[in-house]
Amino acid sequence: MGLNRDVHVEIGALILDGFDRSIDAEVVSAAFTAELTRLVRARGLPVAADVSASTGLPALEPSTSPEGLGVALARSVHAGLSDSAPGRLR
């Protein structure tokens, strides 16, 4: 029997150091949200994951598109969540 659970992820701040100030933060945010949602639905989420200390995001080229940046960041956050807890919530 599958469980239908709502998951809420809150990102307090996302600092993009070294990127052009004109990068569209709303596009980055939308791509990040869409990709993280897709990954959680497809692969689950670790139980009681805590990324409050997560700082190991990948190095990205400053020319990365806002969409590409959002997707890359979401994949990194999900990978960090997956590595931080032994159990998985599916």
Protein backbone atom coordinates (compact mmCIF):
# COMPACT_ATOMS: atom_id res chain seq x y z
CA MET A 1 0.00 0.00 0.00
CA GLY A 2 1.51 3.35 -1.03
CA LEU A 3 1.53 6.29 1.29
CA ASN A 4 0.60 9.75 0.14
CA ARG A 5 2.56 12.24 2.23
CA ASP A 6 3.08 15.92 1.83
CA VAL A 7 6.69 16.99 2.09
CA HIS A 8 7.72 20.53 2.91
CA VAL A 9 11.26 21.66 2.25
CA GLU A 10 12.29 25.11 3.39
CA ILE A 11 15.45 26.73 2.09
CA GLY A 12 16.31 29.65 4.35
CA ALA A 13 18.77 31.28 1.96
CA LEU A 14 20.44 30.40 -1.29
CA ILE A 15 23.51 32.48 -1.98
CA LEU A 16 24.84 32.38 -5.53
CA ASP A 17 28.36 33.70 -5.25
CA GLY A 18 30.19 34.43 -8.51
CA PHE A 19 27.11 34.57 -10.72
CA ASP A 20 25.96 37.54 -12.75
CA ARG A 21 23.66 39.75 -10.68
CA SER A 22 21.19 39.77 -13.54
CA ILE A 23 20.52 36.02 -13.20
CA ASP A 24 16.78 35.52 -12.80
CA ALA A 25 16.33 34.20 -9.25
CA GLU A 26 12.68 33.32 -9.89
CA VAL A 27 13.67 31.06 -12.80
CA VAL A 28 16.38 29.42 -10.67
CA SER A 29 13.86 28.91 -7.86
CA ALA A 30 11.19 27.46 -10.16
CA ALA A 31 13.66 25.02 -11.76
CA PHE A 32 15.01 24.05 -8.33
CA THR A 33 11.51 23.40 -6.97
CA ALA A 34 10.41 21.40 -10.01
CA GLU A 35 13.53 19.22 -10.03
CA LEU A 36 13.58 18.59 -6.27
CA THR A 37 9.88 17.67 -6.39
CA ARG A 38 10.55 15.27 -9.28
CA LEU A 39 13.47 13.64 -7.45
CA VAL A 40 11.55 13.20 -4.19
CA ARG A 41 8.62 11.63 -6.03
CA ALA A 42 10.87 9.34 -8.08
CA ARG A 43 13.48 8.38 -5.48
CA GLY A 44 11.96 9.17 -2.11
CA LEU A 45 13.39 11.22 0.70
CA PRO A 46 15.49 10.07 3.65
CA VAL A 47 13.66 9.91 6.97
CA ALA A 48 14.55 12.80 9.29
CA ALA A 49 17.02 14.29 6.86
CA ASP A 50 18.73 17.45 8.02
CA VAL A 51 20.67 19.60 5.60
CA SER A 52 21.08 22.58 7.87
CA ALA A 53 24.83 22.09 7.64
CA SER A 54 24.93 21.21 3.95
CA THR A 55 27.47 23.34 2.14
CA GLY A 56 28.97 20.91 -0.35
CA LEU A 57 27.27 22.15 -3.49
CA PRO A 58 28.98 21.50 -6.80
CA ALA A 59 31.06 24.10 -8.58
CA LEU A 60 29.08 25.48 -11.50
CA GLU A 61 30.16 27.65 -14.38
CA PRO A 62 29.01 31.28 -14.03
CA SER A 63 27.54 30.94 -17.54
CA THR A 64 25.15 28.19 -16.39
CA SER A 65 21.58 29.06 -17.38
CA PRO A 66 19.09 29.83 -14.59
CA GLU A 67 17.21 26.61 -15.42
CA GLY A 68 20.40 24.54 -15.42
CA LEU A 69 21.51 26.13 -12.19
CA GLY A 70 18.21 25.34 -10.46
CA VAL A 71 18.30 21.71 -11.65
CA ALA A 72 21.94 21.22 -10.61
CA LEU A 73 21.30 22.70 -7.17
CA ALA A 74 18.21 20.51 -6.62
CA ARG A 75 20.15 17.39 -7.58
CA SER A 76 22.94 18.32 -5.20
CA VAL A 77 20.53 18.99 -2.32
CA HIS A 78 18.71 15.69 -2.94
CA ALA A 79 22.03 13.82 -3.06
CA GLY A 80 23.04 15.51 0.19
CA LEU A 81 19.76 14.50 1.81
CA SER A 82 20.19 10.95 0.58
CA ASP A 83 23.68 10.71 2.08
CA SER A 84 22.70 12.23 5.44
CA ALA A 85 20.21 9.67 6.78
CA PRO A 86 20.08 5.85 6.87
CA GLY A 87 16.32 5.44 6.27
CA ARG A 88 14.23 6.44 3.27
CA LEU A 89 10.70 7.75 3.09
CA ARG A 90 8.92 6.58 -0.07
